[in-house]
Amino acid sequence: MPYNKSIIYSFIHAFEGIFYALRDNQNLRIHFIVAFLVVFAGIFFGVNGFEMGIIGIMILLVITAEMINTAIEEMVNLIVSEHRQQAKIAKDVAAGMVLVAVGGSVVAGIFIFAPYVINLFGLG
């Protein structure tokens, strides 16, 4: 059965987008580093599968939000060359989306890791 070239090209373009975002977006690289450290901490503390699933979902949420933010910023830069209030609002709201996702992830991380840290230091 022959492969549908449009599907193959869709995946190629999707990976190009991921590589572009990683190459040109410092914040996304920081999110990936933090994600690696959080997963490592989860393994170190032996968090259960459900908690690791929540961690994975939160990581994907933050990375997705950052990539959407990048796409919105690039589109605004393409469409608007001069300073316009609407362009600023679009960029600020997109950045706010990332901040909300990161804030939610931090709260989830505190709920997940706090009992393990308390137990590690014998504070409980």
PDB file of N, CA and C in Angstrom:
ATOM      1  N   MET A   1       0.846  -1.173   0.000  1.00  0.00           N
ATOM      2  CA  MET A   1       0.000   0.000   0.000  1.00  0.00           C
ATOM      3  C   MET A   1       0.896   1.241   0.000  1.00  0.00           C
ATOM      4  N   PRO A   2       0.770   2.095  -0.993  1.00  0.00           N
ATOM      5  CA  PRO A   2       1.634   3.284  -1.069  1.00  0.00           C
ATOM      6  C   PRO A   2       1.277   4.305   0.009  1.00  0.00           C
ATOM      7  N   TYR A   3       2.311   4.997   0.461  1.00  0.00           N
ATOM      8  CA  TYR A   3       2.105   6.045   1.460  1.00  0.00           C
ATOM      9  C   TYR A   3       1.502   7.272   0.803  1.00  0.00           C
ATOM     10  N   ASN A   4       0.660   7.943   1.519  1.00  0.00           N
ATOM     11  CA  ASN A   4       0.080   9.189   1.047  1.00  0.00           C
ATOM     12  C   ASN A   4       1.120  10.287   1.258  1.00  0.00           C
ATOM     13  N   LYS A   5       1.628  10.852   0.149  1.00  0.00           N
ATOM     14  CA  LYS A   5       2.690  11.855   0.257  1.00  0.00           C
ATOM     15  C   LYS A   5       2.268  13.059   1.084  1.00  0.00           C
ATOM     16  N   SER A   6       0.992  13.404   1.034  1.00  0.00           N
ATOM     17  CA  SER A   6       0.559  14.571   1.794  1.00  0.00           C
ATOM     18  C   SER A   6       0.711  14.328   3.293  1.00  0.00           C
ATOM     19  N   ILE A   7       0.499  13.096   3.751  1.00  0.00           N
ATOM     20  CA  ILE A   7       0.686  12.782   5.169  1.00  0.00           C
ATOM     21  C   ILE A   7       2.162  12.857   5.526  1.00  0.00           C
ATOM     22  N   ILE A   8       3.005  12.300   4.673  1.00  0.00           N
ATOM     23  CA  ILE A   8       4.450  12.342   4.925  1.00  0.00           C
ATOM     24  C   ILE A   8       4.925  13.787   4.984  1.00  0.00           C
ATOM     25  N   TYR A   9       4.502  14.601   4.021  1.00  0.00           N
ATOM     26  CA  TYR A   9       4.911  16.004   4.013  1.00  0.00           C
ATOM     27  C   TYR A   9       4.351  16.759   5.213  1.00  0.00           C
ATOM     28  N   SER A  10       3.174  16.383   5.657  1.00  0.00           N
ATOM     29  CA  SER A  10       2.610  17.016   6.855  1.00  0.00           C
ATOM     30  C   SER A  10       3.505  16.771   8.059  1.00  0.00           C
ATOM     31  N   PHE A  11       3.975  15.527   8.210  1.00  0.00           N
ATOM     32  CA  PHE A  11       4.875  15.219   9.321  1.00  0.00           C
ATOM     33  C   PHE A  11       6.210  15.935   9.162  1.00  0.00           C
ATOM     34  N   ILE A  12       6.727  15.991   7.943  1.00  0.00           N
ATOM     35  CA  ILE A  12       7.993  16.687   7.703  1.00  0.00           C
ATOM     36  C   ILE A  12       7.861  18.155   8.098  1.00  0.00           C
ATOM     37  N   HIS A  13       6.786  18.800   7.663  1.00  0.00           N
ATOM     38  CA  HIS A  13       6.587  20.214   7.997  1.00  0.00           C
ATOM     39  C   HIS A  13       6.373  20.407   9.497  1.00  0.00           C
ATOM     40  N   ALA A  14       5.677  19.473  10.133  1.00  0.00           N
ATOM     41  CA  ALA A  14       5.470  19.570  11.580  1.00  0.00           C
ATOM     42  C   ALA A  14       6.805  19.495  12.315  1.00  0.00           C
ATOM     43  N   PHE A  15       7.670  18.558  11.915  1.00  0.00           N
ATOM     44  CA  PHE A  15       8.980  18.458  12.560  1.00  0.00           C
ATOM     45  C   PHE A  15       9.838  19.680  12.262  1.00  0.00           C
ATOM     46  N   GLU A  16       9.730  20.234  11.059  1.00  0.00           N
ATOM     47  CA  GLU A  16      10.444  21.474  10.752  1.00  0.00           C
ATOM     48  C   GLU A  16      10.000  22.589  11.684  1.00  0.00           C
ATOM     49  N   GLY A  17       8.701  22.651  11.970  1.00  0.00           N
ATOM     50  CA  GLY A  17       8.192  23.658  12.902  1.00  0.00           C
ATOM     51  C   GLY A  17       8.745  23.470  14.302  1.00  0.00           C
ATOM     52  N   ILE A  18       8.806  22.229  14.755  1.00  0.00           N
ATOM     53  CA  ILE A  18       9.365  21.950  16.086  1.00  0.00           C
ATOM     54  C   ILE A  18      10.831  22.351  16.130  1.00  0.00           C
ATOM     55  N   PHE A  19      11.600  21.960  15.098  1.00  0.00           N
ATOM     56  CA  PHE A  19      13.026  22.290  15.083  1.00  0.00           C
ATOM     57  C   PHE A  19      13.245  23.797  15.002  1.00  0.00           C
ATOM     58  N   TYR A  20      12.427  24.497  14.202  1.00  0.00           N
ATOM     59  CA  TYR A  20      12.525  25.953  14.132  1.00  0.00           C
ATOM     60  C   TYR A  20      12.285  26.559  15.508  1.00  0.00           C
ATOM     61  N   ALA A  21      11.215  26.116  16.159  1.00  0.00           N
ATOM     62  CA  ALA A  21      10.872  26.675  17.468  1.00  0.00           C
ATOM     63  C   ALA A  21      11.986  26.420  18.472  1.00  0.00           C
ATOM     64  N   LEU A  22      12.555  25.225  18.456  1.00  0.00           N
ATOM     65  CA  LEU A  22      13.648  24.922  19.386  1.00  0.00           C
ATOM     66  C   LEU A  22      14.897  25.736  19.064  1.00  0.00           C
ATOM     67  N   ARG A  23      15.179  25.910  17.782  1.00  0.00           N
ATOM     68  CA  ARG A  23      16.382  26.630  17.373  1.00  0.00           C
ATOM     69  C   ARG A  23      16.286  28.128  17.671  1.00  0.00           C
ATOM     70  N   ASP A  24      15.112  28.711  17.426  1.00  0.00           N
ATOM     71  CA  ASP A  24      14.991  30.163  17.474  1.00  0.00           C
ATOM     72  C   ASP A  24      14.259  30.707  18.694  1.00  0.00           C
ATOM     73  N   ASN A  25      13.790  29.848  19.575  1.00  0.00           N
ATOM     74  CA  ASN A  25      13.015  30.314  20.723  1.00  0.00           C
ATOM     75  C   ASN A  25      13.698  29.876  22.016  1.00  0.00           C
ATOM     76  N   GLN A  26      14.376  30.821  22.642  1.00  0.00           N
ATOM     77  CA  GLN A  26      15.102  30.523  23.876  1.00  0.00           C
ATOM     78  C   GLN A  26      14.159  30.037  24.978  1.00  0.00           C
ATOM     79  N   ASN A  27      12.983  30.633  25.065  1.00  0.00           N
ATOM     80  CA  ASN A  27      12.039  30.218  26.107  1.00  0.00           C
ATOM     81  C   ASN A  27      11.637  28.756  25.953  1.00  0.00           C
ATOM     82  N   LEU A  28      11.447  28.307  24.717  1.00  0.00           N
ATOM     83  CA  LEU A  28      11.080  26.909  24.494  1.00  0.00           C
ATOM     84  C   LEU A  28      12.215  25.986  24.922  1.00  0.00           C
ATOM     85  N   ARG A  29      13.443  26.376  24.632  1.00  0.00           N
ATOM     86  CA  ARG A  29      14.587  25.558  25.081  1.00  0.00           C
ATOM     87  C   ARG A  29      14.626  25.491  26.602  1.00  0.00           C
ATOM     88  N   ILE A  30      14.338  26.604  27.260  1.00  0.00           N
ATOM     89  CA  ILE A  30      14.295  26.609  28.730  1.00  0.00           C
ATOM     90  C   ILE A  30      13.193  25.679  29.224  1.00  0.00           C
ATOM     91  N   HIS A  31      12.023  25.718  28.579  1.00  0.00           N
ATOM     92  CA  HIS A  31      10.926  24.828  28.978  1.00  0.00           C
ATOM     93  C   HIS A  31      11.335  23.361  28.837  1.00  0.00           C
ATOM     94  N   PHE A  32      12.052  23.029  27.762  1.00  0.00           N
ATOM     95  CA  PHE A  32      12.493  21.647  27.576  1.00  0.00           C
ATOM     96  C   PHE A  32      13.501  21.236  28.647  1.00  0.00           C
ATOM     97  N   ILE A  33      14.407  22.132  29.011  1.00  0.00           N
ATOM     98  CA  ILE A  33      15.381  21.822  30.066  1.00  0.00           C
ATOM     99  C   ILE A  33      14.669  21.607  31.390  1.00  0.00           C
ATOM    100  N   VAL A  34      13.746  22.498  31.723  1.00  0.00           N
ATOM    101  CA  VAL A  34      12.984  22.351  32.970  1.00  0.00           C
ATOM    102  C   VAL A  34      12.173  21.058  32.937  1.00  0.00           C
ATOM    103  N   ALA A  35      11.581  20.743  31.790  1.00  0.00           N
ATOM    104  CA  ALA A  35      10.803  19.503  31.662  1.00  0.00           C
ATOM    105  C   ALA A  35      11.683  18.287  31.933  1.00  0.00           C
ATOM    106  N   PHE A  36      12.882  18.283  31.375  1.00  0.00           N
ATOM    107  CA  PHE A  36      13.817  17.182  31.617  1.00  0.00           C
ATOM    108  C   PHE A  36      14.130  17.068  33.104  1.00  0.00           C
ATOM    109  N   LEU A  37      14.388  18.194  33.756  1.00  0.00           N
ATOM    110  CA  LEU A  37      14.708  18.178  35.185  1.00  0.00           C
ATOM    111  C   LEU A  37      13.526  17.695  36.018  1.00  0.00           C
ATOM    112  N   VAL A  38      12.318  18.097  35.640  1.00  0.00           N
ATOM    113  CA  VAL A  38      11.124  17.670  36.378  1.00  0.00           C
ATOM    114  C   VAL A  38      10.903  16.167  36.209  1.00  0.00           C
ATOM    115  N   VAL A  39      11.072  15.660  34.995  1.00  0.00           N
ATOM    116  CA  VAL A  39      10.931  14.214  34.781  1.00  0.00           C
ATOM    117  C   VAL A  39      12.000  13.469  35.572  1.00  0.00           C
ATOM    118  N   PHE A  40      13.224  13.979  35.560  1.00  0.00           N
ATOM    119  CA  PHE A  40      14.297  13.366  36.345  1.00  0.00           C
ATOM    120  C   PHE A  40      13.937  13.367  37.830  1.00  0.00           C
ATOM    121  N   ALA A  41      13.404  14.480  38.324  1.00  0.00           N
ATOM    122  CA  ALA A  41      12.991  14.552  39.734  1.00  0.00           C
ATOM    123  C   ALA A  41      11.884  13.547  40.017  1.00  0.00           C
ATOM    124  N   GLY A  42      10.959  13.388  39.082  1.00  0.00           N
ATOM    125  CA  GLY A  42       9.897  12.407  39.258  1.00  0.00           C
ATOM    126  C   GLY A  42      10.442  10.997  39.376  1.00  0.00           C
ATOM    127  N   ILE A  43      11.429  10.686  38.555  1.00  0.00           N
ATOM    128  CA  ILE A  43      12.070   9.367  38.634  1.00  0.00           C
ATOM    129  C   ILE A  43      12.830   9.233  39.945  1.00  0.00           C
ATOM    130  N   PHE A  44      13.561  10.277  40.329  1.00  0.00           N
ATOM    131  CA  PHE A  44      14.343  10.259  41.569  1.00  0.00           C
ATOM    132  C   PHE A  44      13.454  10.014  42.785  1.00  0.00           C
ATOM    133  N   PHE A  45      12.336  10.719  42.845  1.00  0.00           N
ATOM    134  CA  PHE A  45      11.433  10.588  43.992  1.00  0.00           C
ATOM    135  C   PHE A  45      10.518   9.372  43.887  1.00  0.00           C
ATOM    136  N   GLY A  46      10.491   8.739  42.735  1.00  0.00           N
ATOM    137  CA  GLY A  46       9.641   7.571  42.562  1.00  0.00           C
ATOM    138  C   GLY A  46       8.161   7.901  42.560  1.00  0.00           C
ATOM    139  N   VAL A  47       7.799   9.010  41.901  1.00  0.00           N
ATOM    140  CA  VAL A  47       6.386   9.372  41.849  1.00  0.00           C
ATOM    141  C   VAL A  47       5.619   8.278  41.117  1.00  0.00           C
ATOM    142  N   ASN A  48       4.354   8.108  41.468  1.00  0.00           N
ATOM    143  CA  ASN A  48       3.571   7.027  40.864  1.00  0.00           C
ATOM    144  C   ASN A  48       3.176   7.371  39.427  1.00  0.00           C
ATOM    145  N   GLY A  49       2.622   6.394  38.741  1.00  0.00           N
ATOM    146  CA  GLY A  49       2.282   6.558  37.331  1.00  0.00           C
ATOM    147  C   GLY A  49       1.270   7.651  37.072  1.00  0.00           C
ATOM    148  N   PHE A  50       0.273   7.763  37.940  1.00  0.00           N
ATOM    149  CA  PHE A  50      -0.736   8.810  37.768  1.00  0.00           C
ATOM    150  C   PHE A  50      -0.096  10.190  37.871  1.00  0.00           C
ATOM    151  N   GLU A  51       0.747  10.370  38.888  1.00  0.00           N
ATOM    152  CA  GLU A  51       1.421  11.663  39.070  1.00  0.00           C
ATOM    153  C   GLU A  51       2.343  11.961  37.890  1.00  0.00           C
ATOM    154  N   MET A  52       3.051  10.942  37.399  1.00  0.00           N
ATOM    155  CA  MET A  52       3.932  11.149  36.253  1.00  0.00           C
ATOM    156  C   MET A  52       3.103  11.504  35.015  1.00  0.00           C
ATOM    157  N   GLY A  53       1.915  10.937  34.909  1.00  0.00           N
ATOM    158  CA  GLY A  53       1.023  11.303  33.810  1.00  0.00           C
ATOM    159  C   GLY A  53       0.598  12.757  33.886  1.00  0.00           C
ATOM    160  N   ILE A  54       0.274  13.225  35.089  1.00  0.00           N
ATOM    161  CA  ILE A  54      -0.079  14.640  35.279  1.00  0.00           C
ATOM    162  C   ILE A  54       1.110  15.521  34.912  1.00  0.00           C
ATOM    163  N   ILE A  55       2.297  15.123  35.338  1.00  0.00           N
ATOM    164  CA  ILE A  55       3.509  15.879  34.994  1.00  0.00           C
ATOM    165  C   ILE A  55       3.667  15.944  33.477  1.00  0.00           C
ATOM    166  N   GLY A  56       3.495  14.817  32.803  1.00  0.00           N
ATOM    167  CA  GLY A  56       3.615  14.788  31.347  1.00  0.00           C
ATOM    168  C   GLY A  56       2.605  15.688  30.661  1.00  0.00           C
ATOM    169  N   ILE A  57       1.369  15.660  31.133  1.00  0.00           N
ATOM    170  CA  ILE A  57       0.326  16.517  30.554  1.00  0.00           C
ATOM    171  C   ILE A  57       0.670  17.989  30.762  1.00  0.00           C
ATOM    172  N   MET A  58       1.148  18.341  31.937  1.00  0.00           N
ATOM    173  CA  MET A  58       1.495  19.740  32.210  1.00  0.00           C
ATOM    174  C   MET A  58       2.682  20.183  31.354  1.00  0.00           C
ATOM    175  N   ILE A  59       3.647  19.295  31.164  1.00  0.00           N
ATOM    176  CA  ILE A  59       4.786  19.620  30.295  1.00  0.00           C
ATOM    177  C   ILE A  59       4.295  19.884  28.875  1.00  0.00           C
ATOM    178  N   LEU A  60       3.442  18.996  28.370  1.00  0.00           N
ATOM    179  CA  LEU A  60       2.905  19.193  27.021  1.00  0.00           C
ATOM    180  C   LEU A  60       2.082  20.471  26.919  1.00  0.00           C
ATOM    181  N   LEU A  61       1.352  20.803  27.968  1.00  0.00           N
ATOM    182  CA  LEU A  61       0.560  22.034  27.977  1.00  0.00           C
ATOM    183  C   LEU A  61       1.462  23.260  27.831  1.00  0.00           C
ATOM    184  N   VAL A  62       2.538  23.306  28.604  1.00  0.00           N
ATOM    185  CA  VAL A  62       3.444  24.460  28.559  1.00  0.00           C
ATOM    186  C   VAL A  62       4.146  24.549  27.207  1.00  0.00           C
ATOM    187  N   ILE A  63       4.643  23.427  26.706  1.00  0.00           N
ATOM    188  CA  ILE A  63       5.349  23.442  25.423  1.00  0.00           C
ATOM    189  C   ILE A  63       4.394  23.826  24.294  1.00  0.00           C
ATOM    190  N   THR A  64       3.180  23.303  24.328  1.00  0.00           N
ATOM    191  CA  THR A  64       2.186  23.666  23.315  1.00  0.00           C
ATOM    192  C   THR A  64       1.861  25.153  23.386  1.00  0.00           C
ATOM    193  N   ALA A  65       1.659  25.672  24.584  1.00  0.00           N
ATOM    194  CA  ALA A  65       1.364  27.100  24.742  1.00  0.00           C
ATOM    195  C   ALA A  65       2.505  27.951  24.204  1.00  0.00           C
ATOM    196  N   GLU A  66       3.745  27.558  24.476  1.00  0.00           N
ATOM    197  CA  GLU A  66       4.898  28.324  23.992  1.00  0.00           C
ATOM    198  C   GLU A  66       4.982  28.282  22.469  1.00  0.00           C
ATOM    199  N   MET A  67       4.664  27.141  21.882  1.00  0.00           N
ATOM    200  CA  MET A  67       4.705  27.048  20.422  1.00  0.00           C
ATOM    201  C   MET A  67       3.574  27.863  19.784  1.00  0.00           C
ATOM    202  N   ILE A  68       2.394  27.862  20.392  1.00  0.00           N
ATOM    203  CA  ILE A  68       1.299  28.709  19.894  1.00  0.00           C
ATOM    204  C   ILE A  68       1.687  30.181  20.020  1.00  0.00           C
ATOM    205  N   ASN A  69       2.297  30.545  21.140  1.00  0.00           N
ATOM    206  CA  ASN A  69       2.766  31.913  21.346  1.00  0.00           C
ATOM    207  C   ASN A  69       3.751  32.311  20.251  1.00  0.00           C
ATOM    208  N   THR A  70       4.687  31.427  19.949  1.00  0.00           N
ATOM    209  CA  THR A  70       5.667  31.707  18.903  1.00  0.00           C
ATOM    210  C   THR A  70       4.983  31.893  17.555  1.00  0.00           C
ATOM    211  N   ALA A  71       4.027  31.024  17.238  1.00  0.00           N
ATOM    212  CA  ALA A  71       3.314  31.136  15.962  1.00  0.00           C
ATOM    213  C   ALA A  71       2.546  32.457  15.878  1.00  0.00           C
ATOM    214  N   ILE A  72       1.893  32.839  16.960  1.00  0.00           N
ATOM    215  CA  ILE A  72       1.143  34.104  16.970  1.00  0.00           C
ATOM    216  C   ILE A  72       2.090  35.286  16.799  1.00  0.00           C
ATOM    217  N   GLU A  73       3.203  35.279  17.515  1.00  0.00           N
ATOM    218  CA  GLU A  73       4.166  36.378  17.388  1.00  0.00           C
ATOM    219  C   GLU A  73       4.710  36.477  15.966  1.00  0.00           C
ATOM    220  N   GLU A  74       5.038  35.346  15.361  1.00  0.00           N
ATOM    221  CA  GLU A  74       5.558  35.366  13.991  1.00  0.00           C
ATOM    222  C   GLU A  74       4.507  35.878  13.005  1.00  0.00           C
ATOM    223  N   MET A  75       3.256  35.465  13.184  1.00  0.00           N
ATOM    224  CA  MET A  75       2.184  35.939  12.297  1.00  0.00           C
ATOM    225  C   MET A  75       1.963  37.443  12.458  1.00  0.00           C
ATOM    226  N   VAL A  76       1.960  37.920  13.688  1.00  0.00           N
ATOM    227  CA  VAL A  76       1.783  39.354  13.921  1.00  0.00           C
ATOM    228  C   VAL A  76       2.937  40.125  13.289  1.00  0.00           C
ATOM    229  N   ASN A  77       4.165  39.635  13.447  1.00  0.00           N
ATOM    230  CA  ASN A  77       5.322  40.304  12.845  1.00  0.00           C
ATOM    231  C   ASN A  77       5.233  40.314  11.321  1.00  0.00           C
ATOM    232  N   LEU A  78       4.666  39.258  10.750  1.00  0.00           N
ATOM    233  CA  LEU A  78       4.518  39.183   9.299  1.00  0.00           C
ATOM    234  C   LEU A  78       3.477  40.180   8.792  1.00  0.00           C
ATOM    235  N   ILE A  79       2.390  40.310   9.523  1.00  0.00           N
ATOM    236  CA  ILE A  79       1.259  41.128   9.072  1.00  0.00           C
ATOM    237  C   ILE A  79       1.452  42.607   9.387  1.00  0.00           C
ATOM    238  N   VAL A  80       2.042  42.916  10.538  1.00  0.00           N
ATOM    239  CA  VAL A  80       2.129  44.294  11.016  1.00  0.00           C
ATOM    240  C   VAL A  80       3.598  44.696  11.133  1.00  0.00           C
ATOM    241  N   SER A  81       3.978  45.736  10.390  1.00  0.00           N
ATOM    242  CA  SER A  81       5.366  46.197  10.484  1.00  0.00           C
ATOM    243  C   SER A  81       5.507  47.402  11.411  1.00  0.00           C
ATOM    244  N   GLU A  82       4.430  48.163  11.576  1.00  0.00           N
ATOM    245  CA  GLU A  82       4.476  49.327  12.467  1.00  0.00           C
ATOM    246  C   GLU A  82       3.836  48.967  13.811  1.00  0.00           C
ATOM    247  N   HIS A  83       4.064  49.829  14.793  1.00  0.00           N
ATOM    248  CA  HIS A  83       3.474  49.572  16.114  1.00  0.00           C
ATOM    249  C   HIS A  83       1.979  49.832  16.063  1.00  0.00           C
ATOM    250  N   ARG A  84       1.213  48.815  16.470  1.00  0.00           N
ATOM    251  CA  ARG A  84      -0.244  48.955  16.558  1.00  0.00           C
ATOM    252  C   ARG A  84      -0.696  48.322  17.859  1.00  0.00           C
ATOM    253  N   GLN A  85      -1.652  48.948  18.482  1.00  0.00           N
ATOM    254  CA  GLN A  85      -2.148  48.476  19.776  1.00  0.00           C
ATOM    255  C   GLN A  85      -2.711  47.057  19.677  1.00  0.00           C
ATOM    256  N   GLN A  86      -3.423  46.745  18.588  1.00  0.00           N
ATOM    257  CA  GLN A  86      -4.002  45.413  18.433  1.00  0.00           C
ATOM    258  C   GLN A  86      -2.915  44.339  18.333  1.00  0.00           C
ATOM    259  N   ALA A  87      -1.815  44.664  17.669  1.00  0.00           N
ATOM    260  CA  ALA A  87      -0.703  43.715  17.566  1.00  0.00           C
ATOM    261  C   ALA A  87      -0.092  43.472  18.939  1.00  0.00           C
ATOM    262  N   LYS A  88       0.063  44.543  19.714  1.00  0.00           N
ATOM    263  CA  LYS A  88       0.595  44.412  21.071  1.00  0.00           C
ATOM    264  C   LYS A  88      -0.325  43.547  21.925  1.00  0.00           C
ATOM    265  N   ILE A  89      -1.626  43.769  21.809  1.00  0.00           N
ATOM    266  CA  ILE A  89      -2.589  42.986  22.591  1.00  0.00           C
ATOM    267  C   ILE A  89      -2.492  41.505  22.218  1.00  0.00           C
ATOM    268  N   ALA A  90      -2.431  41.212  20.914  1.00  0.00           N
ATOM    269  CA  ALA A  90      -2.334  39.816  20.475  1.00  0.00           C
ATOM    270  C   ALA A  90      -1.090  39.146  21.051  1.00  0.00           C
ATOM    271  N   LYS A  91       0.041  39.851  20.996  1.00  0.00           N
ATOM    272  CA  LYS A  91       1.282  39.283  21.530  1.00  0.00           C
ATOM    273  C   LYS A  91       1.224  39.140  23.047  1.00  0.00           C
ATOM    274  N   ASP A  92       0.685  40.144  23.717  1.00  0.00           N
ATOM    275  CA  ASP A  92       0.605  40.093  25.180  1.00  0.00           C
ATOM    276  C   ASP A  92      -0.324  38.980  25.660  1.00  0.00           C
ATOM    277  N   VAL A  93      -1.451  38.804  24.982  1.00  0.00           N
ATOM    278  CA  VAL A  93      -2.382  37.740  25.369  1.00  0.00           C
ATOM    279  C   VAL A  93      -1.736  36.373  25.136  1.00  0.00           C
ATOM    280  N   ALA A  94      -1.025  36.223  24.030  1.00  0.00           N
ATOM    281  CA  ALA A  94      -0.340  34.958  23.754  1.00  0.00           C
ATOM    282  C   ALA A  94       0.722  34.674  24.813  1.00  0.00           C
ATOM    283  N   ALA A  95       1.471  35.703  25.201  1.00  0.00           N
ATOM    284  CA  ALA A  95       2.466  35.523  26.262  1.00  0.00           C
ATOM    285  C   ALA A  95       1.783  35.208  27.587  1.00  0.00           C
ATOM    286  N   GLY A  96       0.639  35.847  27.836  1.00  0.00           N
ATOM    287  CA  GLY A  96      -0.123  35.557  29.048  1.00  0.00           C
ATOM    288  C   GLY A  96      -0.592  34.115  29.092  1.00  0.00           C
ATOM    289  N   MET A  97      -0.942  33.557  27.933  1.00  0.00           N
ATOM    290  CA  MET A  97      -1.344  32.153  27.857  1.00  0.00           C
ATOM    291  C   MET A  97      -0.224  31.254  28.371  1.00  0.00           C
ATOM    292  N   VAL A  98       1.001  31.552  27.967  1.00  0.00           N
ATOM    293  CA  VAL A  98       2.140  30.754  28.426  1.00  0.00           C
ATOM    294  C   VAL A  98       2.308  30.910  29.932  1.00  0.00           C
ATOM    295  N   LEU A  99       2.174  32.129  30.418  1.00  0.00           N
ATOM    296  CA  LEU A  99       2.319  32.375  31.852  1.00  0.00           C
ATOM    297  C   LEU A  99       1.277  31.600  32.655  1.00  0.00           C
ATOM    298  N   VAL A 100       0.045  31.565  32.179  1.00  0.00           N
ATOM    299  CA  VAL A 100      -1.010  30.809  32.867  1.00  0.00           C
ATOM    300  C   VAL A 100      -0.671  29.315  32.867  1.00  0.00           C
ATOM    301  N   ALA A 101      -0.209  28.799  31.729  1.00  0.00           N
ATOM    302  CA  ALA A 101       0.151  27.382  31.645  1.00  0.00           C
ATOM    303  C   ALA A 101       1.306  27.051  32.586  1.00  0.00           C
ATOM    304  N   VAL A 102       2.310  27.919  32.626  1.00  0.00           N
ATOM    305  CA  VAL A 102       3.445  27.699  33.527  1.00  0.00           C
ATOM    306  C   VAL A 102       2.985  27.778  34.978  1.00  0.00           C
ATOM    307  N   GLY A 103       2.162  28.760  35.305  1.00  0.00           N
ATOM    308  CA  GLY A 103       1.656  28.885  36.676  1.00  0.00           C
ATOM    309  C   GLY A 103       0.893  27.651  37.114  1.00  0.00           C
ATOM    310  N   GLY A 104       0.022  27.146  36.243  1.00  0.00           N
ATOM    311  CA  GLY A 104      -0.708  25.923  36.558  1.00  0.00           C
ATOM    312  C   GLY A 104       0.213  24.739  36.734  1.00  0.00           C
ATOM    313  N   SER A 105       1.252  24.673  35.924  1.00  0.00           N
ATOM    314  CA  SER A 105       2.217  23.578  36.033  1.00  0.00           C
ATOM    315  C   SER A 105       3.002  23.654  37.333  1.00  0.00           C
ATOM    316  N   VAL A 106       3.356  24.857  37.737  1.00  0.00           N
ATOM    317  CA  VAL A 106       4.073  25.023  39.008  1.00  0.00           C
ATOM    318  C   VAL A 106       3.191  24.583  40.172  1.00  0.00           C
ATOM    319  N   VAL A 107       1.934  24.988  40.158  1.00  0.00           N
ATOM    320  CA  VAL A 107       1.013  24.585  41.230  1.00  0.00           C
ATOM    321  C   VAL A 107       0.869  23.064  41.256  1.00  0.00           C
ATOM    322  N   ALA A 108       0.680  22.452  40.085  1.00  0.00           N
ATOM    323  CA  ALA A 108       0.572  20.991  40.026  1.00  0.00           C
ATOM    324  C   ALA A 108       1.852  20.343  40.538  1.00  0.00           C
ATOM    325  N   GLY A 109       2.993  20.903  40.157  1.00  0.00           N
ATOM    326  CA  GLY A 109       4.274  20.368  40.619  1.00  0.00           C
ATOM    327  C   GLY A 109       4.428  20.454  42.122  1.00  0.00           C
ATOM    328  N   ILE A 110       3.972  21.544  42.708  1.00  0.00           N
ATOM    329  CA  ILE A 110       4.039  21.682  44.172  1.00  0.00           C
ATOM    330  C   ILE A 110       3.182  20.614  44.837  1.00  0.00           C
ATOM    331  N   PHE A 111       1.961  20.424  44.345  1.00  0.00           N
ATOM    332  CA  PHE A 111       1.087  19.398  44.927  1.00  0.00           C
ATOM    333  C   PHE A 111       1.682  18.000  44.787  1.00  0.00           C
ATOM    334  N   ILE A 112       2.329  17.734  43.659  1.00  0.00           N
ATOM    335  CA  ILE A 112       2.890  16.399  43.435  1.00  0.00           C
ATOM    336  C   ILE A 112       4.164  16.187  44.236  1.00  0.00           C
ATOM    337  N   PHE A 113       5.087  17.158  44.198  1.00  0.00           N
ATOM    338  CA  PHE A 113       6.409  16.932  44.775  1.00  0.00           C
ATOM    339  C   PHE A 113       6.511  17.256  46.261  1.00  0.00           C
ATOM    340  N   ALA A 114       5.641  18.107  46.783  1.00  0.00           N
ATOM    341  CA  ALA A 114       5.754  18.508  48.196  1.00  0.00           C
ATOM    342  C   ALA A 114       5.786  17.318  49.149  1.00  0.00           C
ATOM    343  N   PRO A 115       4.897  16.337  49.035  1.00  0.00           N
ATOM    344  CA  PRO A 115       4.962  15.207  49.976  1.00  0.00           C
ATOM    345  C   PRO A 115       6.281  14.435  49.891  1.00  0.00           C
ATOM    346  N   TYR A 116       6.832  14.321  48.687  1.00  0.00           N
ATOM    347  CA  TYR A 116       8.093  13.603  48.523  1.00  0.00           C
ATOM    348  C   TYR A 116       9.255  14.373  49.142  1.00  0.00           C
ATOM    349  N   VAL A 117       9.266  15.686  48.946  1.00  0.00           N
ATOM    350  CA  VAL A 117      10.325  16.519  49.525  1.00  0.00           C
ATOM    351  C   VAL A 117      10.209  16.525  51.046  1.00  0.00           C
ATOM    352  N   ILE A 118       8.994  16.650  51.562  1.00  0.00           N
ATOM    353  CA  ILE A 118       8.779  16.621  53.017  1.00  0.00           C
ATOM    354  C   ILE A 118       9.260  15.298  53.591  1.00  0.00           C
ATOM    355  N   ASN A 119       8.942  14.207  52.919  1.00  0.00           N
ATOM    356  CA  ASN A 119       9.373  12.883  53.369  1.00  0.00           C
ATOM    357  C   ASN A 119      10.889  12.738  53.300  1.00  0.00           C
ATOM    358  N   LEU A 120      11.495  13.281  52.252  1.00  0.00           N
ATOM    359  CA  LEU A 120      12.946  13.185  52.085  1.00  0.00           C
ATOM    360  C   LEU A 120      13.684  13.845  53.242  1.00  0.00           C
ATOM    361  N   PHE A 121      13.192  14.988  53.680  1.00  0.00           N
ATOM    362  CA  PHE A 121      13.849  15.714  54.762  1.00  0.00           C
ATOM    363  C   PHE A 121      13.285  15.367  56.131  1.00  0.00           C
ATOM    364  N   GLY A 122      12.383  14.406  56.187  1.00  0.00           N
ATOM    365  CA  GLY A 122      11.832  13.956  57.463  1.00  0.00           C
ATOM    366  C   GLY A 122      11.029  15.014  58.183  1.00  0.00           C
ATOM    367  N   LEU A 123      10.357  15.866  57.435  1.00  0.00           N
ATOM    368  CA  LEU A 123       9.602  16.955  58.049  1.00  0.00           C
ATOM    369  C   LEU A 123       8.149  16.577  58.324  1.00  0.00           C
ATOM    370  N   GLY A 124       7.734  15.403  57.868  1.00  0.00           N
ATOM    371  CA  GLY A 124       6.333  15.023  58.014  1.00  0.00           C
ATOM    372  C   GLY A 124       6.135  14.159  59.165  1.00  0.00           C
TER     373      GLY A 124
END
